[in-house]
Amino acid sequence: MNMRFDEILRPVREGLYCPAGDFFIDPVVPVPRALVTHGHADHARPGHGAVMATRRTLDIMALRYGQDFTGTRDPVEFGTPRRIGDATVSFHPAGHVLGSAQIAVEVGGRRIVASGDYKRTRDATAEPFEPVPCDVFITEATFGLPVFRHPPGRHEIAKLLASLEQFPERAHVVGAYALGKAQRVIRMIRDEGYDAPIFIHGALTRLCGFYEEEGIALGRLEPATLERGASRNFAGAIVVGPPSAFADRWARRFPDPLACFASGWMQVRQRARQRGVELPLIISDHCDWDELTQTIREIGPEEVWVTHGREEALVRWCELEGIRARPLHLVGYEDEGE
């Protein structure tokens, strides 16, 4: 007799739990054994007894939390099956940020894929998404409404460079999340031929250095610091910092700063206005509506579970396509990576 899918993985208070292997996927509280999809803080938390993840994700967690973030680290290669109790697990590229993975769990001949956060658009700073055939596909739905259709990233970078040319007296201060988004934006700027120094907030230094160590060239980066009595005024410069820096005096130190923000949420004009963003850059590390539906069609699962996002619309779309679907209503996941 086939196992029920909720006997393989089930949502519990701590996160997604696999009884056959006695482990949790992206647990929101410390647990004895955690399998972690990627390094964003809403998925990768410290304090677990043991963590299985890709080597890059484990390295990122060590950078963010310190070397003692967990009791035991268990690095796994993409595509290599591992046995945990009565379950077999394997990690597959998710395309979200460097080292990000989908986790396939197989028990009794049935497979569930927990995709974590994922992106279909290729970029130079993350391993490309790999469709994994499965019986159940657990998909995020951060932008799970038909209104969300993201423009090409090159179009958004062209807007930034055009503004820089139009307003050479102004510092263009770009808000981008410290892990993944900042490095991607910097690399996209480089790919469009911009070779001047890019100035970065101190919170980005270690992660940008890690990306460089992993072979992802970001060009000349310099600290966005103003020493007492310094003559540099950053006019005409690109400055990249985390969104949190825009809430303090850091961004206001630059000459007539032009506030930019790189996020899929910049498609929502009200969000841009609320943040005081003058130049919104619609650059997302998540799928838009068309990419979500394309992915489900491509994988062809028997059932879809939808989580952390606009669950209802995607569940309804699946039902209209003749695919069983349900929301998971998992809690504890934010949009740090966006």
C-alpha atoms as a PDB file:
ATOM      1  CA  MET A   1       0.000   0.000   0.000  1.00  0.00           C
ATOM      2  CA  ASN A   2       1.284   3.467  -0.903  1.00  0.00           C
ATOM      3  CA  MET A   3       2.052   5.793   1.971  1.00  0.00           C
ATOM      4  CA  ARG A   4      -0.010   8.913   2.355  1.00  0.00           C
ATOM      5  CA  PHE A   5       1.969  11.995   1.449  1.00  0.00           C
ATOM      6  CA  ASP A   6       1.457  13.505   4.893  1.00  0.00           C
ATOM      7  CA  GLU A   7       3.142  10.425   6.348  1.00  0.00           C
ATOM      8  CA  ILE A   8       6.296  11.398   4.439  1.00  0.00           C
ATOM      9  CA  LEU A   9       6.348  15.126   5.244  1.00  0.00           C
ATOM     10  CA  ARG A  10       3.960  17.016   7.463  1.00  0.00           C
ATOM     11  CA  PRO A  11       3.789  20.617   8.681  1.00  0.00           C
ATOM     12  CA  VAL A  12       4.268  20.918  12.437  1.00  0.00           C
ATOM     13  CA  ARG A  13       5.063  23.791  14.768  1.00  0.00           C
ATOM     14  CA  GLU A  14       8.810  23.495  14.148  1.00  0.00           C
ATOM     15  CA  GLY A  15       8.533  23.292  10.331  1.00  0.00           C
ATOM     16  CA  LEU A  16       8.249  20.446   7.834  1.00  0.00           C
ATOM     17  CA  TYR A  17       8.839  17.125   9.617  1.00  0.00           C
ATOM     18  CA  CYS A  18       9.790  13.743   8.152  1.00  0.00           C
ATOM     19  CA  PRO A  19       8.922  10.924  10.605  1.00  0.00           C
ATOM     20  CA  ALA A  20      10.779   8.276   8.573  1.00  0.00           C
ATOM     21  CA  GLY A  21      14.060  10.161   8.924  1.00  0.00           C
ATOM     22  CA  ASP A  22      13.280  12.084  12.109  1.00  0.00           C
ATOM     23  CA  PHE A  23      14.426  15.394  10.630  1.00  0.00           C
ATOM     24  CA  PHE A  24      12.989  18.831   9.869  1.00  0.00           C
ATOM     25  CA  ILE A  25      13.333  20.957   6.739  1.00  0.00           C
ATOM     26  CA  ASP A  26      14.064  24.658   7.428  1.00  0.00           C
ATOM     27  CA  PRO A  27      12.833  24.475  11.034  1.00  0.00           C
ATOM     28  CA  VAL A  28      11.952  27.777  12.687  1.00  0.00           C
ATOM     29  CA  VAL A  29      13.270  26.721  16.136  1.00  0.00           C
ATOM     30  CA  PRO A  30      16.324  24.648  17.165  1.00  0.00           C
ATOM     31  CA  VAL A  31      15.858  20.906  16.531  1.00  0.00           C
ATOM     32  CA  PRO A  32      18.122  17.831  16.798  1.00  0.00           C
ATOM     33  CA  ARG A  33      18.498  17.450  13.001  1.00  0.00           C
ATOM     34  CA  ALA A  34      17.770  20.108  10.372  1.00  0.00           C
ATOM     35  CA  LEU A  35      17.988  20.001   6.583  1.00  0.00           C
ATOM     36  CA  VAL A  36      18.409  23.574   5.340  1.00  0.00           C
ATOM     37  CA  THR A  37      17.581  24.789   1.844  1.00  0.00           C
ATOM     38  CA  HIS A  38      19.606  28.040   1.845  1.00  0.00           C
ATOM     39  CA  GLY A  39      21.312  30.636   3.970  1.00  0.00           C
ATOM     40  CA  HIS A  40      18.646  33.326   4.419  1.00  0.00           C
ATOM     41  CA  ALA A  41      17.843  33.848   8.086  1.00  0.00           C
ATOM     42  CA  ASP A  42      14.173  32.886   7.783  1.00  0.00           C
ATOM     43  CA  HIS A  43      15.218  29.418   6.558  1.00  0.00           C
ATOM     44  CA  ALA A  44      18.641  28.924   8.170  1.00  0.00           C
ATOM     45  CA  ARG A  45      18.556  29.438  11.910  1.00  0.00           C
ATOM     46  CA  PRO A  46      21.330  28.652  14.412  1.00  0.00           C
ATOM     47  CA  GLY A  47      21.185  26.296  17.386  1.00  0.00           C
ATOM     48  CA  HIS A  48      20.374  22.922  15.752  1.00  0.00           C
ATOM     49  CA  GLY A  49      22.057  19.726  16.901  1.00  0.00           C
ATOM     50  CA  ALA A  50      23.057  18.869  13.323  1.00  0.00           C
ATOM     51  CA  VAL A  51      22.608  20.617   9.970  1.00  0.00           C
ATOM     52  CA  MET A  52      22.679  18.984   6.532  1.00  0.00           C
ATOM     53  CA  ALA A  53      22.996  21.477   3.671  1.00  0.00           C
ATOM     54  CA  THR A  54      25.183  22.223   0.681  1.00  0.00           C
ATOM     55  CA  ARG A  55      28.747  23.196   1.525  1.00  0.00           C
ATOM     56  CA  ARG A  56      28.124  26.766   0.363  1.00  0.00           C
ATOM     57  CA  THR A  57      25.054  27.118   2.578  1.00  0.00           C
ATOM     58  CA  LEU A  58      26.974  25.800   5.582  1.00  0.00           C
ATOM     59  CA  ASP A  59      29.779  28.276   4.881  1.00  0.00           C
ATOM     60  CA  ILE A  60      27.262  31.122   4.613  1.00  0.00           C
ATOM     61  CA  MET A  61      25.660  30.109   7.915  1.00  0.00           C
ATOM     62  CA  ALA A  62      29.095  30.118   9.558  1.00  0.00           C
ATOM     63  CA  LEU A  63      29.750  33.629   8.204  1.00  0.00           C
ATOM     64  CA  ARG A  64      26.425  34.909   9.489  1.00  0.00           C
ATOM     65  CA  TYR A  65      26.214  33.149  12.854  1.00  0.00           C
ATOM     66  CA  GLY A  66      29.806  32.262  13.742  1.00  0.00           C
ATOM     67  CA  GLN A  67      31.608  28.950  13.487  1.00  0.00           C
ATOM     68  CA  ASP A  68      29.613  27.408  16.366  1.00  0.00           C
ATOM     69  CA  PHE A  69      26.173  27.878  14.812  1.00  0.00           C
ATOM     70  CA  THR A  70      25.415  24.147  15.088  1.00  0.00           C
ATOM     71  CA  GLY A  71      26.663  20.986  16.756  1.00  0.00           C
ATOM     72  CA  THR A  72      27.451  18.967  13.602  1.00  0.00           C
ATOM     73  CA  ARG A  73      27.739  20.066   9.967  1.00  0.00           C
ATOM     74  CA  ASP A  74      26.920  17.565   7.244  1.00  0.00           C
ATOM     75  CA  PRO A  75      27.731  18.943   3.764  1.00  0.00           C
ATOM     76  CA  VAL A  76      26.004  17.293   0.822  1.00  0.00           C
ATOM     77  CA  GLU A  77      26.686  17.503  -2.915  1.00  0.00           C
ATOM     78  CA  PHE A  78      23.944  18.318  -5.388  1.00  0.00           C
ATOM     79  CA  GLY A  79      22.288  15.175  -6.736  1.00  0.00           C
ATOM     80  CA  THR A  80      23.927  12.740  -4.293  1.00  0.00           C
ATOM     81  CA  PRO A  81      21.340  10.575  -2.473  1.00  0.00           C
ATOM     82  CA  ARG A  82      21.771  10.244   1.299  1.00  0.00           C
ATOM     83  CA  ARG A  83      19.992   7.803   3.576  1.00  0.00           C
ATOM     84  CA  ILE A  84      18.549   9.139   6.838  1.00  0.00           C
ATOM     85  CA  GLY A  85      16.668   6.478   8.763  1.00  0.00           C
ATOM     86  CA  ASP A  86      14.046   5.063   6.397  1.00  0.00           C
ATOM     87  CA  ALA A  87      14.126   8.132   4.116  1.00  0.00           C
ATOM     88  CA  THR A  88      16.374   8.955   1.171  1.00  0.00           C
ATOM     89  CA  VAL A  89      17.118  12.624   0.591  1.00  0.00           C
ATOM     90  CA  SER A  90      18.880  14.508  -2.178  1.00  0.00           C
ATOM     91  CA  PHE A  91      19.643  18.184  -2.759  1.00  0.00           C
ATOM     92  CA  HIS A  92      19.107  19.925  -6.121  1.00  0.00           C
ATOM     93  CA  PRO A  93      19.856  23.496  -7.252  1.00  0.00           C
ATOM     94  CA  ALA A  94      17.104  26.040  -6.555  1.00  0.00           C
ATOM     95  CA  GLY A  95      18.554  29.091  -8.327  1.00  0.00           C
ATOM     96  CA  HIS A  96      17.631  31.425  -5.465  1.00  0.00           C
ATOM     97  CA  VAL A  97      21.044  32.394  -4.034  1.00  0.00           C
ATOM     98  CA  LEU A  98      24.469  30.794  -3.995  1.00  0.00           C
ATOM     99  CA  GLY A  99      24.241  27.270  -2.570  1.00  0.00           C
ATOM    100  CA  SER A 100      20.443  27.220  -2.420  1.00  0.00           C
ATOM    101  CA  ALA A 101      18.781  23.842  -2.819  1.00  0.00           C
ATOM    102  CA  GLN A 102      15.531  22.013  -3.221  1.00  0.00           C
ATOM    103  CA  ILE A 103      15.313  18.952  -0.992  1.00  0.00           C
ATOM    104  CA  ALA A 104      13.824  15.734  -2.378  1.00  0.00           C
ATOM    105  CA  VAL A 105      12.535  13.263   0.232  1.00  0.00           C
ATOM    106  CA  GLU A 106      11.736   9.675  -0.838  1.00  0.00           C
ATOM    107  CA  VAL A 107       9.960   7.146   1.358  1.00  0.00           C
ATOM    108  CA  GLY A 108       8.238   3.965   0.203  1.00  0.00           C
ATOM    109  CA  GLY A 109       8.758   4.737  -3.472  1.00  0.00           C
ATOM    110  CA  ARG A 110       7.113   8.170  -3.293  1.00  0.00           C
ATOM    111  CA  ARG A 111       8.923  11.482  -3.597  1.00  0.00           C
ATOM    112  CA  ILE A 112       8.182  14.949  -2.241  1.00  0.00           C
ATOM    113  CA  VAL A 113      10.302  17.921  -3.281  1.00  0.00           C
ATOM    114  CA  ALA A 114      10.486  20.878  -0.891  1.00  0.00           C
ATOM    115  CA  SER A 115      11.712  23.667  -3.112  1.00  0.00           C
ATOM    116  CA  GLY A 116      12.408  26.314  -0.455  1.00  0.00           C
ATOM    117  CA  ASP A 117      12.756  29.636  -2.276  1.00  0.00           C
ATOM    118  CA  TYR A 118      13.572  29.296  -5.965  1.00  0.00           C
ATOM    119  CA  LYS A 119      14.056  31.298  -9.140  1.00  0.00           C
ATOM    120  CA  ARG A 120      13.982  30.298 -12.813  1.00  0.00           C
ATOM    121  CA  THR A 121      15.804  33.337 -14.232  1.00  0.00           C
ATOM    122  CA  ARG A 122      19.447  32.458 -14.775  1.00  0.00           C
ATOM    123  CA  ASP A 123      22.117  34.655 -13.267  1.00  0.00           C
ATOM    124  CA  ALA A 124      25.835  34.430 -12.647  1.00  0.00           C
ATOM    125  CA  THR A 125      25.584  34.346  -8.848  1.00  0.00           C
ATOM    126  CA  ALA A 126      23.545  31.175  -8.231  1.00  0.00           C
ATOM    127  CA  GLU A 127      23.437  27.615  -9.497  1.00  0.00           C
ATOM    128  CA  PRO A 128      20.573  27.317 -12.050  1.00  0.00           C
ATOM    129  CA  PHE A 129      17.270  25.756 -10.975  1.00  0.00           C
ATOM    130  CA  GLU A 130      16.891  22.070 -11.759  1.00  0.00           C
ATOM    131  CA  PRO A 131      13.372  20.637 -12.269  1.00  0.00           C
ATOM    132  CA  VAL A 132      13.030  17.445 -10.208  1.00  0.00           C
ATOM    133  CA  PRO A 133      10.228  14.961 -11.049  1.00  0.00           C
ATOM    134  CA  CYS A 134       8.147  14.182  -7.987  1.00  0.00           C
ATOM    135  CA  ASP A 135       4.754  13.094  -6.693  1.00  0.00           C
ATOM    136  CA  VAL A 136       4.328  16.227  -4.560  1.00  0.00           C
ATOM    137  CA  PHE A 137       5.935  19.604  -5.247  1.00  0.00           C
ATOM    138  CA  ILE A 138       6.079  22.068  -2.359  1.00  0.00           C
ATOM    139  CA  THR A 139       6.263  25.515  -3.897  1.00  0.00           C
ATOM    140  CA  GLU A 140       6.672  28.969  -2.461  1.00  0.00           C
ATOM    141  CA  ALA A 141       4.266  31.642  -3.703  1.00  0.00           C
ATOM    142  CA  THR A 142       5.960  34.915  -2.773  1.00  0.00           C
ATOM    143  CA  PHE A 143       4.692  36.466  -6.001  1.00  0.00           C
ATOM    144  CA  GLY A 144       1.792  34.069  -6.501  1.00  0.00           C
ATOM    145  CA  LEU A 145      -0.628  36.470  -8.186  1.00  0.00           C
ATOM    146  CA  PRO A 146      -1.089  36.981 -11.961  1.00  0.00           C
ATOM    147  CA  VAL A 147      -0.267  40.691 -11.589  1.00  0.00           C
ATOM    148  CA  PHE A 148       3.368  39.829 -10.820  1.00  0.00           C
ATOM    149  CA  ARG A 149       5.320  39.552 -14.061  1.00  0.00           C
ATOM    150  CA  HIS A 150       8.902  40.659 -13.625  1.00  0.00           C
ATOM    151  CA  PRO A 151      10.717  42.550 -16.389  1.00  0.00           C
ATOM    152  CA  PRO A 152      14.145  41.402 -17.626  1.00  0.00           C
ATOM    153  CA  GLY A 153      16.856  42.277 -15.126  1.00  0.00           C
ATOM    154  CA  ARG A 154      18.971  43.970 -17.788  1.00  0.00           C
ATOM    155  CA  HIS A 155      16.128  46.429 -18.351  1.00  0.00           C
ATOM    156  CA  GLU A 156      16.223  47.441 -14.684  1.00  0.00           C
ATOM    157  CA  ILE A 157      20.014  47.809 -14.609  1.00  0.00           C
ATOM    158  CA  ALA A 158      19.781  49.940 -17.771  1.00  0.00           C
ATOM    159  CA  LYS A 159      17.408  52.244 -15.842  1.00  0.00           C
ATOM    160  CA  LEU A 160      19.975  52.599 -13.077  1.00  0.00           C
ATOM    161  CA  LEU A 161      22.851  53.372 -15.454  1.00  0.00           C
ATOM    162  CA  ALA A 162      20.722  55.833 -17.439  1.00  0.00           C
ATOM    163  CA  SER A 163      19.839  57.662 -14.233  1.00  0.00           C
ATOM    164  CA  LEU A 164      23.506  57.757 -13.265  1.00  0.00           C
ATOM    165  CA  GLU A 165      24.303  59.406 -16.592  1.00  0.00           C
ATOM    166  CA  GLN A 166      21.416  61.858 -16.249  1.00  0.00           C
ATOM    167  CA  PHE A 167      22.254  62.845 -12.663  1.00  0.00           C
ATOM    168  CA  PRO A 168      26.070  62.608 -12.363  1.00  0.00           C
ATOM    169  CA  GLU A 169      26.047  64.926  -9.351  1.00  0.00           C
ATOM    170  CA  ARG A 170      23.999  62.483  -7.257  1.00  0.00           C
ATOM    171  CA  ALA A 171      25.052  59.331  -5.427  1.00  0.00           C
ATOM    172  CA  HIS A 172      22.820  56.429  -6.466  1.00  0.00           C
ATOM    173  CA  VAL A 173      22.263  54.479  -3.250  1.00  0.00           C
ATOM    174  CA  VAL A 174      20.885  51.003  -3.993  1.00  0.00           C
ATOM    175  CA  GLY A 175      19.159  48.971  -1.269  1.00  0.00           C
ATOM    176  CA  ALA A 176      19.708  45.242  -1.755  1.00  0.00           C
ATOM    177  CA  TYR A 177      19.593  42.374   0.730  1.00  0.00           C
ATOM    178  CA  ALA A 178      23.018  41.343   2.002  1.00  0.00           C
ATOM    179  CA  LEU A 179      22.915  37.713   0.851  1.00  0.00           C
ATOM    180  CA  GLY A 180      22.238  37.065  -2.802  1.00  0.00           C
ATOM    181  CA  LYS A 181      20.530  40.229  -3.999  1.00  0.00           C
ATOM    182  CA  ALA A 182      23.462  42.587  -3.391  1.00  0.00           C
ATOM    183  CA  GLN A 183      25.941  40.301  -5.153  1.00  0.00           C
ATOM    184  CA  ARG A 184      23.553  39.697  -8.022  1.00  0.00           C
ATOM    185  CA  VAL A 185      22.919  43.412  -8.559  1.00  0.00           C
ATOM    186  CA  ILE A 186      26.643  44.168  -8.462  1.00  0.00           C
ATOM    187  CA  ARG A 187      27.391  41.418 -10.971  1.00  0.00           C
ATOM    188  CA  MET A 188      24.548  42.574 -13.266  1.00  0.00           C
ATOM    189  CA  ILE A 189      25.979  46.099 -13.217  1.00  0.00           C
ATOM    190  CA  ARG A 190      29.383  44.682 -14.172  1.00  0.00           C
ATOM    191  CA  ASP A 191      27.870  42.599 -16.969  1.00  0.00           C
ATOM    192  CA  GLU A 192      26.531  45.832 -18.515  1.00  0.00           C
ATOM    193  CA  GLY A 193      30.065  47.185 -18.788  1.00  0.00           C
ATOM    194  CA  TYR A 194      30.274  49.395 -15.690  1.00  0.00           C
ATOM    195  CA  ASP A 195      33.848  49.034 -14.416  1.00  0.00           C
ATOM    196  CA  ALA A 196      34.162  51.961 -11.976  1.00  0.00           C
ATOM    197  CA  PRO A 197      34.415  51.164  -8.265  1.00  0.00           C
ATOM    198  CA  ILE A 198      31.152  50.205  -6.571  1.00  0.00           C
ATOM    199  CA  PHE A 199      30.947  51.271  -2.945  1.00  0.00           C
ATOM    200  CA  ILE A 200      29.426  48.868  -0.420  1.00  0.00           C
ATOM    201  CA  HIS A 201      28.143  49.080   3.131  1.00  0.00           C
ATOM    202  CA  GLY A 202      30.231  47.205   5.688  1.00  0.00           C
ATOM    203  CA  ALA A 203      27.455  44.643   6.205  1.00  0.00           C
ATOM    204  CA  LEU A 204      28.098  43.351   2.674  1.00  0.00           C
ATOM    205  CA  THR A 205      31.859  42.960   2.925  1.00  0.00           C
ATOM    206  CA  ARG A 206      32.163  39.387   4.190  1.00  0.00           C
ATOM    207  CA  LEU A 207      29.483  37.952   1.903  1.00  0.00           C
ATOM    208  CA  CYS A 208      30.824  39.746  -1.174  1.00  0.00           C
ATOM    209  CA  GLY A 209      34.260  38.392  -0.272  1.00  0.00           C
ATOM    210  CA  PHE A 210      32.805  34.893  -0.001  1.00  0.00           C
ATOM    211  CA  TYR A 211      31.211  35.153  -3.456  1.00  0.00           C
ATOM    212  CA  GLU A 212      34.579  36.256  -4.860  1.00  0.00           C
ATOM    213  CA  GLU A 213      36.269  33.266  -3.188  1.00  0.00           C
ATOM    214  CA  GLU A 214      33.684  31.038  -4.867  1.00  0.00           C
ATOM    215  CA  GLY A 215      34.733  32.339  -8.290  1.00  0.00           C
ATOM    216  CA  ILE A 216      32.024  34.976  -8.833  1.00  0.00           C
ATOM    217  CA  ALA A 217      33.774  38.147  -9.980  1.00  0.00           C
ATOM    218  CA  LEU A 218      32.243  41.348  -8.609  1.00  0.00           C
ATOM    219  CA  GLY A 219      34.871  43.823  -9.788  1.00  0.00           C
ATOM    220  CA  ARG A 220      36.411  46.572  -7.716  1.00  0.00           C
ATOM    221  CA  LEU A 221      34.503  47.095  -4.480  1.00  0.00           C
ATOM    222  CA  GLU A 222      35.358  49.824  -1.997  1.00  0.00           C
ATOM    223  CA  PRO A 223      33.942  50.638   1.451  1.00  0.00           C
ATOM    224  CA  ALA A 224      31.184  53.259   1.483  1.00  0.00           C
ATOM    225  CA  THR A 225      32.664  55.076   4.441  1.00  0.00           C
ATOM    226  CA  LEU A 226      33.153  58.788   5.063  1.00  0.00           C
ATOM    227  CA  GLU A 227      36.184  59.496   7.198  1.00  0.00           C
ATOM    228  CA  ARG A 228      36.264  62.691   9.201  1.00  0.00           C
ATOM    229  CA  GLY A 229      37.703  65.432   7.017  1.00  0.00           C
ATOM    230  CA  ALA A 230      37.689  63.265   3.856  1.00  0.00           C
ATOM    231  CA  SER A 231      37.174  65.008   0.535  1.00  0.00           C
ATOM    232  CA  ARG A 232      35.349  62.153  -1.220  1.00  0.00           C
ATOM    233  CA  ASN A 233      31.679  62.998  -1.707  1.00  0.00           C
ATOM    234  CA  PHE A 234      30.510  60.004  -3.811  1.00  0.00           C
ATOM    235  CA  ALA A 235      28.941  62.232  -6.499  1.00  0.00           C
ATOM    236  CA  GLY A 236      28.121  60.052  -9.487  1.00  0.00           C
ATOM    237  CA  ALA A 237      28.897  56.848  -7.590  1.00  0.00           C
ATOM    238  CA  ILE A 238      26.905  53.650  -7.122  1.00  0.00           C
ATOM    239  CA  VAL A 239      26.586  52.730  -3.459  1.00  0.00           C
ATOM    240  CA  VAL A 240      25.033  49.398  -2.381  1.00  0.00           C
ATOM    241  CA  GLY A 241      23.788  48.703   1.127  1.00  0.00           C
ATOM    242  CA  PRO A 242      21.265  46.537   2.977  1.00  0.00           C
ATOM    243  CA  PRO A 243      17.703  47.879   3.361  1.00  0.00           C
ATOM    244  CA  SER A 244      18.202  48.291   7.107  1.00  0.00           C
ATOM    245  CA  ALA A 245      20.845  50.950   6.452  1.00  0.00           C
ATOM    246  CA  PHE A 246      18.239  53.170   4.825  1.00  0.00           C
ATOM    247  CA  ALA A 247      16.384  53.446   8.124  1.00  0.00           C
ATOM    248  CA  ASP A 248      19.299  55.230   9.787  1.00  0.00           C
ATOM    249  CA  ARG A 249      21.525  58.158   8.897  1.00  0.00           C
ATOM    250  CA  TRP A 250      23.905  56.122   6.747  1.00  0.00           C
ATOM    251  CA  ALA A 251      22.199  56.781   3.386  1.00  0.00           C
ATOM    252  CA  ARG A 252      21.651  60.467   4.113  1.00  0.00           C
ATOM    253  CA  ARG A 253      25.386  61.152   4.380  1.00  0.00           C
ATOM    254  CA  PHE A 254      25.816  60.960   0.607  1.00  0.00           C
ATOM    255  CA  PRO A 255      25.467  63.976  -1.702  1.00  0.00           C
ATOM    256  CA  ASP A 256      21.837  64.449  -2.742  1.00  0.00           C
ATOM    257  CA  PRO A 257      21.317  60.648  -2.585  1.00  0.00           C
ATOM    258  CA  LEU A 258      19.001  59.111  -5.141  1.00  0.00           C
ATOM    259  CA  ALA A 259      17.299  56.235  -3.332  1.00  0.00           C
ATOM    260  CA  CYS A 260      17.025  52.992  -5.319  1.00  0.00           C
ATOM    261  CA  PHE A 261      15.790  49.614  -4.154  1.00  0.00           C
ATOM    262  CA  ALA A 262      16.173  46.232  -5.872  1.00  0.00           C
ATOM    263  CA  SER A 263      13.233  43.924  -5.157  1.00  0.00           C
ATOM    264  CA  GLY A 264      10.358  42.183  -6.872  1.00  0.00           C
ATOM    265  CA  TRP A 265       8.115  44.158  -4.511  1.00  0.00           C
ATOM    266  CA  MET A 266       9.088  47.355  -6.337  1.00  0.00           C
ATOM    267  CA  GLN A 267       6.389  46.455  -8.843  1.00  0.00           C
ATOM    268  CA  VAL A 268       3.967  47.592  -6.139  1.00  0.00           C
ATOM    269  CA  ARG A 269       4.154  51.378  -6.313  1.00  0.00           C
ATOM    270  CA  GLN A 270       2.782  51.855  -2.824  1.00  0.00           C
ATOM    271  CA  ARG A 271       5.687  49.840  -1.379  1.00  0.00           C
ATOM    272  CA  ALA A 272       8.170  52.007  -3.262  1.00  0.00           C
ATOM    273  CA  ARG A 273       6.519  55.187  -1.976  1.00  0.00           C
ATOM    274  CA  GLN A 274       6.430  53.870   1.594  1.00  0.00           C
ATOM    275  CA  ARG A 275      10.173  53.267   1.474  1.00  0.00           C
ATOM    276  CA  GLY A 276      10.875  56.647  -0.111  1.00  0.00           C
ATOM    277  CA  VAL A 277      12.319  54.972  -3.206  1.00  0.00           C
ATOM    278  CA  GLU A 278      12.939  57.325  -6.107  1.00  0.00           C
ATOM    279  CA  LEU A 279      14.168  54.694  -8.554  1.00  0.00           C
ATOM    280  CA  PRO A 280      12.522  51.274  -8.011  1.00  0.00           C
ATOM    281  CA  LEU A 281      14.396  48.358  -9.593  1.00  0.00           C
ATOM    282  CA  ILE A 282      12.183  45.311 -10.133  1.00  0.00           C
ATOM    283  CA  ILE A 283      14.804  42.602  -9.628  1.00  0.00           C
ATOM    284  CA  SER A 284      13.530  39.470  -7.917  1.00  0.00           C
ATOM    285  CA  ASP A 285      15.204  36.332  -6.612  1.00  0.00           C
ATOM    286  CA  HIS A 286      11.830  34.565  -6.623  1.00  0.00           C
ATOM    287  CA  CYS A 287       9.602  33.351  -9.463  1.00  0.00           C
ATOM    288  CA  ASP A 288       6.886  35.566 -10.866  1.00  0.00           C
ATOM    289  CA  TRP A 289       3.433  34.180 -11.641  1.00  0.00           C
ATOM    290  CA  ASP A 290       4.319  32.807 -15.076  1.00  0.00           C
ATOM    291  CA  GLU A 291       7.443  31.102 -13.762  1.00  0.00           C
ATOM    292  CA  LEU A 292       5.534  29.491 -10.902  1.00  0.00           C
ATOM    293  CA  THR A 293       2.896  28.037 -13.201  1.00  0.00           C
ATOM    294  CA  GLN A 294       5.495  27.051 -15.806  1.00  0.00           C
ATOM    295  CA  THR A 295       7.459  25.160 -13.167  1.00  0.00           C
ATOM    296  CA  ILE A 296       4.436  23.211 -11.927  1.00  0.00           C
ATOM    297  CA  ARG A 297       3.505  22.265 -15.500  1.00  0.00           C
ATOM    298  CA  GLU A 298       7.081  21.221 -16.259  1.00  0.00           C
ATOM    299  CA  ILE A 299       7.455  19.019 -13.177  1.00  0.00           C
ATOM    300  CA  GLY A 300       3.974  17.517 -13.480  1.00  0.00           C
ATOM    301  CA  PRO A 301       3.381  16.531  -9.834  1.00  0.00           C
ATOM    302  CA  GLU A 302       0.352  14.614  -8.677  1.00  0.00           C
ATOM    303  CA  GLU A 303      -0.178  17.182  -5.932  1.00  0.00           C
ATOM    304  CA  VAL A 304       1.085  20.695  -5.080  1.00  0.00           C
ATOM    305  CA  TRP A 305       1.502  22.191  -1.615  1.00  0.00           C
ATOM    306  CA  VAL A 306       1.776  25.968  -1.524  1.00  0.00           C
ATOM    307  CA  THR A 307       3.509  27.914   1.215  1.00  0.00           C
ATOM    308  CA  HIS A 308       4.834  31.305   2.423  1.00  0.00           C
ATOM    309  CA  GLY A 309       3.191  33.612  -0.041  1.00  0.00           C
ATOM    310  CA  ARG A 310      -0.032  34.227  -1.939  1.00  0.00           C
ATOM    311  CA  GLU A 311      -1.230  30.688  -1.413  1.00  0.00           C
ATOM    312  CA  GLU A 312      -4.897  30.909  -2.392  1.00  0.00           C
ATOM    313  CA  ALA A 313      -4.448  32.094  -5.995  1.00  0.00           C
ATOM    314  CA  LEU A 314      -1.907  29.405  -6.876  1.00  0.00           C
ATOM    315  CA  VAL A 315      -3.996  26.711  -5.186  1.00  0.00           C
ATOM    316  CA  ARG A 316      -6.974  27.807  -7.283  1.00  0.00           C
ATOM    317  CA  TRP A 317      -4.890  27.788 -10.481  1.00  0.00           C
ATOM    318  CA  CYS A 318      -3.786  24.219  -9.741  1.00  0.00           C
ATOM    319  CA  GLU A 319      -7.380  23.123  -9.183  1.00  0.00           C
ATOM    320  CA  LEU A 320      -8.410  24.618 -12.534  1.00  0.00           C
ATOM    321  CA  GLU A 321      -5.540  22.679 -14.144  1.00  0.00           C
ATOM    322  CA  GLY A 322      -6.784  19.444 -12.577  1.00  0.00           C
ATOM    323  CA  ILE A 323      -3.939  19.243 -10.035  1.00  0.00           C
ATOM    324  CA  ARG A 324      -4.713  18.582  -6.384  1.00  0.00           C
ATOM    325  CA  ALA A 325      -3.372  21.418  -4.244  1.00  0.00           C
ATOM    326  CA  ARG A 326      -3.514  22.761  -0.729  1.00  0.00           C
ATOM    327  CA  PRO A 327      -1.978  25.595   1.301  1.00  0.00           C
ATOM    328  CA  LEU A 328       0.448  24.691   4.069  1.00  0.00           C
ATOM    329  CA  HIS A 329       0.164  27.931   6.062  1.00  0.00           C
ATOM    330  CA  LEU A 330       3.700  27.567   7.389  1.00  0.00           C
ATOM    331  CA  VAL A 331       4.717  30.402   9.697  1.00  0.00           C
ATOM    332  CA  GLY A 332       8.043  32.058  10.338  1.00  0.00           C
ATOM    333  CA  TYR A 333       9.114  32.786   6.764  1.00  0.00           C
ATOM    334  CA  GLU A 334       9.654  36.368   5.660  1.00  0.00           C
ATOM    335  CA  ASP A 335      10.952  37.930   2.445  1.00  0.00           C
ATOM    336  CA  GLU A 336      14.573  38.552   3.518  1.00  0.00           C
ATOM    337  CA  GLY A 337      15.835  37.190   0.224  1.00  0.00           C
ATOM    338  CA  GLU A 338      13.662  39.547  -1.775  1.00  0.00           C
END
